[in-house]
Amino acid sequence: RHAFFDPAAHLSLSDVEKNQCEKYVKNLIYDDVYPQKRST
Protein backbone atom coordinates (compact mmCIF):
# COMPACT_ATOMS: atom_id res chain seq x y z
CA ARG A 1 0.00 0.00 0.00
CA HIS A 2 2.72 2.45 0.94
CA ALA A 3 5.34 1.15 -1.46
CA PHE A 4 6.50 4.73 -2.12
CA PHE A 5 7.63 4.94 1.51
CA ASP A 6 9.14 1.56 2.35
CA PRO A 7 11.14 1.55 5.61
CA ALA A 8 13.18 -1.35 4.22
CA ALA A 9 13.78 0.29 0.85
CA HIS A 10 17.46 0.77 1.69
CA LEU A 11 17.84 -3.01 1.83
CA SER A 12 17.21 -3.19 -1.92
CA LEU A 13 19.87 -0.65 -2.86
CA SER A 14 22.55 -1.82 -5.22
CA ASP A 15 26.13 -2.21 -3.97
CA VAL A 16 27.13 0.97 -5.77
CA GLU A 17 24.39 2.97 -4.08
CA LYS A 18 25.31 1.45 -0.72
CA ASN A 19 28.95 2.42 -1.22
CA GLN A 20 28.04 5.95 -2.28
CA CYS A 21 25.78 6.42 0.73
CA GLU A 22 28.40 4.94 3.04
CA LYS A 23 31.12 7.21 1.66
CA TYR A 24 28.80 10.24 1.92
CA VAL A 25 27.97 9.52 5.55
CA LYS A 26 31.60 8.80 6.42
CA ASN A 27 32.61 12.11 4.83
CA LEU A 28 29.98 13.95 6.84
CA ILE A 29 31.20 12.34 10.05
CA TYR A 30 34.87 12.92 9.21
CA ASP A 31 34.26 16.58 8.35
CA ASP A 32 32.32 16.97 11.58
CA VAL A 33 34.97 15.31 13.73
CA TYR A 34 38.07 16.55 11.90
CA PRO A 35 37.03 19.81 10.16
CA GLN A 36 40.58 21.14 10.31
CA LYS A 37 41.88 18.19 8.27
CA ARG A 38 39.44 18.54 5.36
CA SER A 39 41.41 18.01 2.13
CA THR A 40 39.12 19.91 -0.23
C-alpha atoms as a PDB file:
ATOM      1  CA  ARG A   1       0.000   0.000   0.000  1.00  0.00           C
ATOM      2  CA  HIS A   2       2.725   2.448   0.939  1.00  0.00           C
ATOM      3  CA  ALA A   3       5.337   1.154  -1.462  1.00  0.00           C
ATOM      4  CA  PHE A   4       6.497   4.731  -2.119  1.00  0.00           C
ATOM      5  CA  PHE A   5       7.633   4.944   1.509  1.00  0.00           C
ATOM      6  CA  ASP A   6       9.136   1.562   2.353  1.00  0.00           C
ATOM      7  CA  PRO A   7      11.137   1.551   5.608  1.00  0.00           C
ATOM      8  CA  ALA A   8      13.180  -1.352   4.222  1.00  0.00           C
ATOM      9  CA  ALA A   9      13.781   0.293   0.846  1.00  0.00           C
ATOM     10  CA  HIS A  10      17.463   0.769   1.692  1.00  0.00           C
ATOM     11  CA  LEU A  11      17.845  -3.014   1.825  1.00  0.00           C
ATOM     12  CA  SER A  12      17.214  -3.189  -1.917  1.00  0.00           C
ATOM     13  CA  LEU A  13      19.871  -0.651  -2.858  1.00  0.00           C
ATOM     14  CA  SER A  14      22.554  -1.824  -5.220  1.00  0.00           C
ATOM     15  CA  ASP A  15      26.127  -2.214  -3.965  1.00  0.00           C
ATOM     16  CA  VAL A  16      27.126   0.974  -5.772  1.00  0.00           C
ATOM     17  CA  GLU A  17      24.387   2.967  -4.076  1.00  0.00           C
ATOM     18  CA  LYS A  18      25.308   1.454  -0.716  1.00  0.00           C
ATOM     19  CA  ASN A  19      28.955   2.416  -1.215  1.00  0.00           C
ATOM     20  CA  GLN A  20      28.036   5.947  -2.278  1.00  0.00           C
ATOM     21  CA  CYS A  21      25.775   6.423   0.735  1.00  0.00           C
ATOM     22  CA  GLU A  22      28.396   4.938   3.038  1.00  0.00           C
ATOM     23  CA  LYS A  23      31.115   7.214   1.661  1.00  0.00           C
ATOM     24  CA  TYR A  24      28.801  10.240   1.918  1.00  0.00           C
ATOM     25  CA  VAL A  25      27.966   9.520   5.550  1.00  0.00           C
ATOM     26  CA  LYS A  26      31.597   8.805   6.420  1.00  0.00           C
ATOM     27  CA  ASN A  27      32.613  12.114   4.830  1.00  0.00           C
ATOM     28  CA  LEU A  28      29.980  13.953   6.843  1.00  0.00           C
ATOM     29  CA  ILE A  29      31.199  12.342  10.054  1.00  0.00           C
ATOM     30  CA  TYR A  30      34.871  12.920   9.209  1.00  0.00           C
ATOM     31  CA  ASP A  31      34.262  16.578   8.345  1.00  0.00           C
ATOM     32  CA  ASP A  32      32.317  16.973  11.578  1.00  0.00           C
ATOM     33  CA  VAL A  33      34.972  15.312  13.734  1.00  0.00           C
ATOM     34  CA  TYR A  34      38.067  16.555  11.905  1.00  0.00           C
ATOM     35  CA  PRO A  35      37.028  19.808  10.156  1.00  0.00           C
ATOM     36  CA  GLN A  36      40.581  21.136  10.314  1.00  0.00           C
ATOM     37  CA  LYS A  37      41.881  18.193   8.273  1.00  0.00           C
ATOM     38  CA  ARG A  38      39.444  18.539   5.356  1.00  0.00           C
ATOM     39  CA  SER A  39      41.414  18.007   2.133  1.00  0.00           C
ATOM     40  CA  THR A  40      39.122  19.913  -0.233  1.00  0.00           C
END
